[in-house]
Amino acid sequence: MEGALIVLIPISVLVVGGIVAVLWWAARQGQFDDLEGPAHAILMDDDKPPAARSAERKGDTPDAAQHADASQKSR
């Protein structure tokens, strides 16, 4: 029984130290800076299909985007 404790206690100390090191690294890298942004981003749903969004970025009309979407579906 005592032999198991001699092995398990140092292993658990190393595991806890590893967890602390990972959490410290994540905090230093800014992983916890914006905790509310992703939660709000999922609620901001745009109702346009991806082809219409890309067409708007390029400056095309929505009709051209629908035509492009239909041509992609026929492939």
PDB file of N, CA and C in Angstrom:
ATOM      1  N   MET A   1       0.825  -1.196   0.000  1.00  0.00           N
ATOM      2  CA  MET A   1       0.000   0.000   0.000  1.00  0.00           C
ATOM      3  C   MET A   1       0.864   1.253   0.000  1.00  0.00           C
ATOM      4  N   GLU A   2       1.907   1.259   0.834  1.00  0.00           N
ATOM      5  CA  GLU A   2       2.769   2.442   0.909  1.00  0.00           C
ATOM      6  C   GLU A   2       3.570   2.613  -0.376  1.00  0.00           C
ATOM      7  N   GLY A   3       3.882   1.535  -1.044  1.00  0.00           N
ATOM      8  CA  GLY A   3       4.614   1.611  -2.307  1.00  0.00           C
ATOM      9  C   GLY A   3       3.804   2.315  -3.390  1.00  0.00           C
ATOM     10  N   ALA A   4       2.505   2.099  -3.373  1.00  0.00           N
ATOM     11  CA  ALA A   4       1.634   2.751  -4.357  1.00  0.00           C
ATOM     12  C   ALA A   4       1.582   4.256  -4.123  1.00  0.00           C
ATOM     13  N   LEU A   5       1.568   4.666  -2.857  1.00  0.00           N
ATOM     14  CA  LEU A   5       1.544   6.094  -2.551  1.00  0.00           C
ATOM     15  C   LEU A   5       2.841   6.782  -2.953  1.00  0.00           C
ATOM     16  N   ILE A   6       3.937   6.059  -2.838  1.00  0.00           N
ATOM     17  CA  ILE A   6       5.228   6.627  -3.227  1.00  0.00           C
ATOM     18  C   ILE A   6       5.247   6.920  -4.727  1.00  0.00           C
ATOM     19  N   VAL A   7       4.519   6.162  -5.498  1.00  0.00           N
ATOM     20  CA  VAL A   7       4.453   6.361  -6.952  1.00  0.00           C
ATOM     21  C   VAL A   7       3.358   7.350  -7.319  1.00  0.00           C
ATOM     22  N   LEU A   8       2.190   7.224  -6.707  1.00  0.00           N
ATOM     23  CA  LEU A   8       1.033   8.012  -7.124  1.00  0.00           C
ATOM     24  C   LEU A   8       1.110   9.482  -6.709  1.00  0.00           C
ATOM     25  N   ILE A   9       1.681   9.782  -5.553  1.00  0.00           N
ATOM     26  CA  ILE A   9       1.749  11.176  -5.101  1.00  0.00           C
ATOM     27  C   ILE A   9       2.627  12.019  -6.031  1.00  0.00           C
ATOM     28  N   PRO A  10       3.830  11.590  -6.403  1.00  0.00           N
ATOM     29  CA  PRO A  10       4.607  12.399  -7.353  1.00  0.00           C
ATOM     30  C   PRO A  10       3.938  12.526  -8.727  1.00  0.00           C
ATOM     31  N   ILE A  11       3.283  11.464  -9.173  1.00  0.00           N
ATOM     32  CA  ILE A  11       2.574  11.539 -10.458  1.00  0.00           C
ATOM     33  C   ILE A  11       1.455  12.566 -10.392  1.00  0.00           C
ATOM     34  N   SER A  12       0.693  12.578  -9.311  1.00  0.00           N
ATOM     35  CA  SER A  12      -0.402  13.549  -9.188  1.00  0.00           C
ATOM     36  C   SER A  12       0.133  14.977  -9.076  1.00  0.00           C
ATOM     37  N   VAL A  13       1.265  15.152  -8.396  1.00  0.00           N
ATOM     38  CA  VAL A  13       1.874  16.484  -8.309  1.00  0.00           C
ATOM     39  C   VAL A  13       2.319  16.950  -9.697  1.00  0.00           C
ATOM     40  N   LEU A  14       2.868  16.058 -10.500  1.00  0.00           N
ATOM     41  CA  LEU A  14       3.267  16.410 -11.865  1.00  0.00           C
ATOM     42  C   LEU A  14       2.058  16.748 -12.739  1.00  0.00           C
ATOM     43  N   VAL A  15       0.976  16.002 -12.593  1.00  0.00           N
ATOM     44  CA  VAL A  15      -0.243  16.272 -13.373  1.00  0.00           C
ATOM     45  C   VAL A  15      -0.817  17.631 -13.001  1.00  0.00           C
ATOM     46  N   VAL A  16      -0.904  17.928 -11.715  1.00  0.00           N
ATOM     47  CA  VAL A  16      -1.420  19.225 -11.268  1.00  0.00           C
ATOM     48  C   VAL A  16      -0.504  20.341 -11.751  1.00  0.00           C
ATOM     49  N   GLY A  17       0.812  20.135 -11.688  1.00  0.00           N
ATOM     50  CA  GLY A  17       1.753  21.136 -12.189  1.00  0.00           C
ATOM     51  C   GLY A  17       1.591  21.367 -13.687  1.00  0.00           C
ATOM     52  N   GLY A  18       1.341  20.304 -14.434  1.00  0.00           N
ATOM     53  CA  GLY A  18       1.097  20.439 -15.877  1.00  0.00           C
ATOM     54  C   GLY A  18      -0.167  21.209 -16.173  1.00  0.00           C
ATOM     55  N   ILE A  19      -1.218  20.953 -15.401  1.00  0.00           N
ATOM     56  CA  ILE A  19      -2.475  21.682 -15.592  1.00  0.00           C
ATOM     57  C   ILE A  19      -2.287  23.159 -15.289  1.00  0.00           C
ATOM     58  N   VAL A  20      -1.593  23.460 -14.207  1.00  0.00           N
ATOM     59  CA  VAL A  20      -1.329  24.856 -13.854  1.00  0.00           C
ATOM     60  C   VAL A  20      -0.501  25.532 -14.948  1.00  0.00           C
ATOM     61  N   ALA A  21       0.485  24.834 -15.493  1.00  0.00           N
ATOM     62  CA  ALA A  21       1.329  25.403 -16.550  1.00  0.00           C
ATOM     63  C   ALA A  21       0.517  25.683 -17.809  1.00  0.00           C
ATOM     64  N   VAL A  22      -0.377  24.780 -18.175  1.00  0.00           N
ATOM     65  CA  VAL A  22      -1.210  24.987 -19.363  1.00  0.00           C
ATOM     66  C   VAL A  22      -2.158  26.162 -19.156  1.00  0.00           C
ATOM     67  N   LEU A  23      -2.776  26.259 -17.993  1.00  0.00           N
ATOM     68  CA  LEU A  23      -3.676  27.384 -17.720  1.00  0.00           C
ATOM     69  C   LEU A  23      -2.915  28.708 -17.692  1.00  0.00           C
ATOM     70  N   TRP A  24      -1.718  28.706 -17.138  1.00  0.00           N
ATOM     71  CA  TRP A  24      -0.908  29.922 -17.113  1.00  0.00           C
ATOM     72  C   TRP A  24      -0.534  30.345 -18.531  1.00  0.00           C
ATOM     73  N   TRP A  25      -0.131  29.372 -19.366  1.00  0.00           N
ATOM     74  CA  TRP A  25       0.217  29.673 -20.754  1.00  0.00           C
ATOM     75  C   TRP A  25      -0.988  30.241 -21.505  1.00  0.00           C
ATOM     76  N   ALA A  26      -2.164  29.636 -21.308  1.00  0.00           N
ATOM     77  CA  ALA A  26      -3.371  30.095 -22.000  1.00  0.00           C
ATOM     78  C   ALA A  26      -3.732  31.513 -21.576  1.00  0.00           C
ATOM     79  N   ALA A  27      -3.582  31.820 -20.305  1.00  0.00           N
ATOM     80  CA  ALA A  27      -3.892  33.175 -19.840  1.00  0.00           C
ATOM     81  C   ALA A  27      -2.907  34.179 -20.412  1.00  0.00           C
ATOM     82  N   ARG A  28      -1.647  33.815 -20.521  1.00  0.00           N
ATOM     83  CA  ARG A  28      -0.639  34.719 -21.079  1.00  0.00           C
ATOM     84  C   ARG A  28      -0.819  34.928 -22.578  1.00  0.00           C
ATOM     85  N   GLN A  29      -1.385  33.951 -23.268  1.00  0.00           N
ATOM     86  CA  GLN A  29      -1.594  34.049 -24.711  1.00  0.00           C
ATOM     87  C   GLN A  29      -2.901  34.751 -25.065  1.00  0.00           C
ATOM     88  N   GLY A  30      -3.709  35.116 -24.076  1.00  0.00           N
ATOM     89  CA  GLY A  30      -4.949  35.846 -24.338  1.00  0.00           C
ATOM     90  C   GLY A  30      -6.146  34.973 -24.650  1.00  0.00           C
ATOM     91  N   GLN A  31      -6.101  33.711 -24.275  1.00  0.00           N
ATOM     92  CA  GLN A  31      -7.211  32.815 -24.571  1.00  0.00           C
ATOM     93  C   GLN A  31      -8.482  33.162 -23.792  1.00  0.00           C
ATOM     94  N   PHE A  32      -8.342  33.857 -22.689  1.00  0.00           N
ATOM     95  CA  PHE A  32      -9.494  34.176 -21.848  1.00  0.00           C
ATOM     96  C   PHE A  32      -9.864  35.650 -21.919  1.00  0.00           C
ATOM     97  N   ASP A  33      -9.393  36.368 -22.925  1.00  0.00           N
ATOM     98  CA  ASP A  33      -9.647  37.804 -23.011  1.00  0.00           C
ATOM     99  C   ASP A  33     -11.104  38.131 -23.343  1.00  0.00           C
ATOM    100  N   ASP A  34     -11.684  37.429 -24.307  1.00  0.00           N
ATOM    101  CA  ASP A  34     -13.043  37.735 -24.736  1.00  0.00           C
ATOM    102  C   ASP A  34     -13.919  36.504 -24.521  1.00  0.00           C
ATOM    103  N   LEU A  35     -14.549  36.440 -23.362  1.00  0.00           N
ATOM    104  CA  LEU A  35     -15.377  35.284 -23.056  1.00  0.00           C
ATOM    105  C   LEU A  35     -16.809  35.442 -23.558  1.00  0.00           C
ATOM    106  N   GLU A  36     -17.261  36.674 -23.796  1.00  0.00           N
ATOM    107  CA  GLU A  36     -18.646  36.889 -24.217  1.00  0.00           C
ATOM    108  C   GLU A  36     -18.798  37.015 -25.730  1.00  0.00           C
ATOM    109  N   GLY A  37     -17.750  37.329 -26.452  1.00  0.00           N
ATOM    110  CA  GLY A  37     -17.833  37.529 -27.897  1.00  0.00           C
ATOM    111  C   GLY A  37     -18.366  36.324 -28.653  1.00  0.00           C
ATOM    112  N   PRO A  38     -17.816  35.128 -28.453  1.00  0.00           N
ATOM    113  CA  PRO A  38     -18.338  33.968 -29.176  1.00  0.00           C
ATOM    114  C   PRO A  38     -19.794  33.645 -28.816  1.00  0.00           C
ATOM    115  N   ALA A  39     -20.182  33.909 -27.583  1.00  0.00           N
ATOM    116  CA  ALA A  39     -21.576  33.645 -27.199  1.00  0.00           C
ATOM    117  C   ALA A  39     -22.536  34.577 -27.922  1.00  0.00           C
ATOM    118  N   HIS A  40     -22.132  35.822 -28.136  1.00  0.00           N
ATOM    119  CA  HIS A  40     -22.985  36.765 -28.863  1.00  0.00           C
ATOM    120  C   HIS A  40     -22.906  36.530 -30.365  1.00  0.00           C
ATOM    121  N   ALA A  41     -21.766  36.088 -30.858  1.00  0.00           N
ATOM    122  CA  ALA A  41     -21.597  35.883 -32.299  1.00  0.00           C
ATOM    123  C   ALA A  41     -22.510  34.784 -32.816  1.00  0.00           C
ATOM    124  N   ILE A  42     -22.778  33.778 -32.019  1.00  0.00           N
ATOM    125  CA  ILE A  42     -23.629  32.691 -32.479  1.00  0.00           C
ATOM    126  C   ILE A  42     -25.080  33.150 -32.625  1.00  0.00           C
ATOM    127  N   LEU A  43     -25.447  34.202 -31.906  1.00  0.00           N
ATOM    128  CA  LEU A  43     -26.811  34.721 -32.003  1.00  0.00           C
ATOM    129  C   LEU A  43     -26.999  35.625 -33.212  1.00  0.00           C
ATOM    130  N   MET A  44     -25.928  36.146 -33.768  1.00  0.00           N
ATOM    131  CA  MET A  44     -25.991  37.031 -34.925  1.00  0.00           C
ATOM    132  C   MET A  44     -26.028  36.188 -36.193  1.00  0.00           C
ATOM    133  N   ASP A  45     -27.218  35.750 -36.562  1.00  0.00           N
ATOM    134  CA  ASP A  45     -27.381  34.881 -37.715  1.00  0.00           C
ATOM    135  C   ASP A  45     -27.778  35.717 -38.916  1.00  0.00           C
ATOM    136  N   ASP A  46     -27.015  35.603 -39.995  1.00  0.00           N
ATOM    137  CA  ASP A  46     -27.416  36.292 -41.207  1.00  0.00           C
ATOM    138  C   ASP A  46     -28.180  35.307 -42.087  1.00  0.00           C
ATOM    139  N   ASP A  47     -29.274  35.796 -42.653  1.00  0.00           N
ATOM    140  CA  ASP A  47     -30.191  34.928 -43.370  1.00  0.00           C
ATOM    141  C   ASP A  47     -29.829  34.738 -44.839  1.00  0.00           C
ATOM    142  N   LYS A  48     -28.741  35.347 -45.295  1.00  0.00           N
ATOM    143  CA  LYS A  48     -28.382  35.245 -46.700  1.00  0.00           C
ATOM    144  C   LYS A  48     -27.547  33.986 -46.933  1.00  0.00           C
ATOM    145  N   PRO A  49     -27.739  33.352 -48.091  1.00  0.00           N
ATOM    146  CA  PRO A  49     -26.896  32.194 -48.400  1.00  0.00           C
ATOM    147  C   PRO A  49     -25.451  32.633 -48.651  1.00  0.00           C
ATOM    148  N   PRO A  50     -24.498  31.732 -48.534  1.00  0.00           N
ATOM    149  CA  PRO A  50     -23.090  32.108 -48.702  1.00  0.00           C
ATOM    150  C   PRO A  50     -22.780  32.754 -50.044  1.00  0.00           C
ATOM    151  N   ALA A  51     -23.445  32.341 -51.128  1.00  0.00           N
ATOM    152  CA  ALA A  51     -23.166  32.928 -52.440  1.00  0.00           C
ATOM    153  C   ALA A  51     -23.573  34.400 -52.479  1.00  0.00           C
ATOM    154  N   ALA A  52     -24.673  34.734 -51.823  1.00  0.00           N
ATOM    155  CA  ALA A  52     -25.114  36.133 -51.806  1.00  0.00           C
ATOM    156  C   ALA A  52     -24.167  36.988 -50.987  1.00  0.00           C
ATOM    157  N   ARG A  53     -23.641  36.432 -49.889  1.00  0.00           N
ATOM    158  CA  ARG A  53     -22.691  37.197 -49.078  1.00  0.00           C
ATOM    159  C   ARG A  53     -21.409  37.458 -49.851  1.00  0.00           C
ATOM    160  N   SER A  54     -20.915  36.446 -50.578  1.00  0.00           N
ATOM    161  CA  SER A  54     -19.676  36.638 -51.325  1.00  0.00           C
ATOM    162  C   SER A  54     -19.904  37.585 -52.492  1.00  0.00           C
ATOM    163  N   ALA A  55     -21.106  37.569 -53.086  1.00  0.00           N
ATOM    164  CA  ALA A  55     -21.392  38.481 -54.186  1.00  0.00           C
ATOM    165  C   ALA A  55     -21.452  39.921 -53.691  1.00  0.00           C
ATOM    166  N   GLU A  56     -21.990  40.122 -52.509  1.00  0.00           N
ATOM    167  CA  GLU A  56     -22.037  41.477 -51.961  1.00  0.00           C
ATOM    168  C   GLU A  56     -20.642  42.011 -51.693  1.00  0.00           C
ATOM    169  N   ARG A  57     -19.761  41.130 -51.255  1.00  0.00           N
ATOM    170  CA  ARG A  57     -18.388  41.565 -51.013  1.00  0.00           C
ATOM    171  C   ARG A  57     -17.705  41.951 -52.318  1.00  0.00           C
ATOM    172  N   LYS A  58     -18.052  41.266 -53.400  1.00  0.00           N
ATOM    173  CA  LYS A  58     -17.447  41.560 -54.698  1.00  0.00           C
ATOM    174  C   LYS A  58     -18.128  42.735 -55.395  1.00  0.00           C
ATOM    175  N   GLY A  59     -19.321  43.093 -54.952  1.00  0.00           N
ATOM    176  CA  GLY A  59     -20.045  44.210 -55.556  1.00  0.00           C
ATOM    177  C   GLY A  59     -21.053  43.783 -56.596  1.00  0.00           C
ATOM    178  N   ASP A  60     -21.324  42.499 -56.745  1.00  0.00           N
ATOM    179  CA  ASP A  60     -22.313  42.013 -57.700  1.00  0.00           C
ATOM    180  C   ASP A  60     -23.724  42.230 -57.148  1.00  0.00           C
ATOM    181  N   THR A  61     -24.701  42.050 -57.993  1.00  0.00           N
ATOM    182  CA  THR A  61     -26.089  42.167 -57.560  1.00  0.00           C
ATOM    183  C   THR A  61     -26.528  40.847 -56.942  1.00  0.00           C
ATOM    184  N   PRO A  62     -27.567  40.870 -56.120  1.00  0.00           N
ATOM    185  CA  PRO A  62     -28.059  39.613 -55.534  1.00  0.00           C
ATOM    186  C   PRO A  62     -28.532  38.625 -56.587  1.00  0.00           C
ATOM    187  N   ASP A  63     -29.072  39.121 -57.740  1.00  0.00           N
ATOM    188  CA  ASP A  63     -29.513  38.214 -58.792  1.00  0.00           C
ATOM    189  C   ASP A  63     -28.343  37.424 -59.354  1.00  0.00           C
ATOM    190  N   ALA A  64     -27.203  38.091 -59.500  1.00  0.00           N
ATOM    191  CA  ALA A  64     -26.015  37.393 -59.992  1.00  0.00           C
ATOM    192  C   ALA A  64     -25.572  36.339 -58.990  1.00  0.00           C
ATOM    193  N   ALA A  65     -25.739  36.622 -57.724  1.00  0.00           N
ATOM    194  CA  ALA A  65     -25.360  35.659 -56.696  1.00  0.00           C
ATOM    195  C   ALA A  65     -26.272  34.436 -56.742  1.00  0.00           C
ATOM    196  N   GLN A  66     -27.571  34.661 -56.974  1.00  0.00           N
ATOM    197  CA  GLN A  66     -28.492  33.533 -57.072  1.00  0.00           C
ATOM    198  C   GLN A  66     -28.183  32.694 -58.302  1.00  0.00           C
ATOM    199  N   HIS A  67     -27.809  33.371 -59.399  1.00  0.00           N
ATOM    200  CA  HIS A  67     -27.440  32.647 -60.608  1.00  0.00           C
ATOM    201  C   HIS A  67     -26.180  31.823 -60.372  1.00  0.00           C
ATOM    202  N   ALA A  68     -25.223  32.406 -59.665  1.00  0.00           N
ATOM    203  CA  ALA A  68     -23.980  31.694 -59.362  1.00  0.00           C
ATOM    204  C   ALA A  68     -24.271  30.513 -58.448  1.00  0.00           C
ATOM    205  N   ASP A  69     -25.184  30.693 -57.506  1.00  0.00           N
ATOM    206  CA  ASP A  69     -25.546  29.610 -56.594  1.00  0.00           C
ATOM    207  C   ASP A  69     -26.225  28.476 -57.378  1.00  0.00           C
ATOM    208  N   ALA A  70     -27.099  28.823 -58.315  1.00  0.00           N
ATOM    209  CA  ALA A  70     -27.790  27.806 -59.106  1.00  0.00           C
ATOM    210  C   ALA A  70     -26.818  27.067 -60.016  1.00  0.00           C
ATOM    211  N   SER A  71     -25.833  27.756 -60.559  1.00  0.00           N
ATOM    212  CA  SER A  71     -24.873  27.085 -61.420  1.00  0.00           C
ATOM    213  C   SER A  71     -23.969  26.161 -60.619  1.00  0.00           C
ATOM    214  N   GLN A  72     -23.699  26.488 -59.368  1.00  0.00           N
ATOM    215  CA  GLN A  72     -22.885  25.615 -58.544  1.00  0.00           C
ATOM    216  C   GLN A  72     -23.655  24.349 -58.171  1.00  0.00           C
ATOM    217  N   LYS A  73     -24.953  24.472 -57.978  1.00  0.00           N
ATOM    218  CA  LYS A  73     -25.761  23.304 -57.625  1.00  0.00           C
ATOM    219  C   LYS A  73     -25.879  22.346 -58.806  1.00  0.00           C
ATOM    220  N   SER A  74     -25.834  22.867 -60.046  1.00  0.00           N
ATOM    221  CA  SER A  74     -25.992  21.998 -61.203  1.00  0.00           C
ATOM    222  C   SER A  74     -24.741  21.210 -61.499  1.00  0.00           C
ATOM    223  N   ARG A  75     -23.629  21.528 -60.892  1.00  0.00           N
ATOM    224  CA  ARG A  75     -22.376  20.791 -61.146  1.00  0.00           C
ATOM    225  C   ARG A  75     -22.380  19.474 -60.507  1.00  0.00           C
TER     226      ARG A  75
END
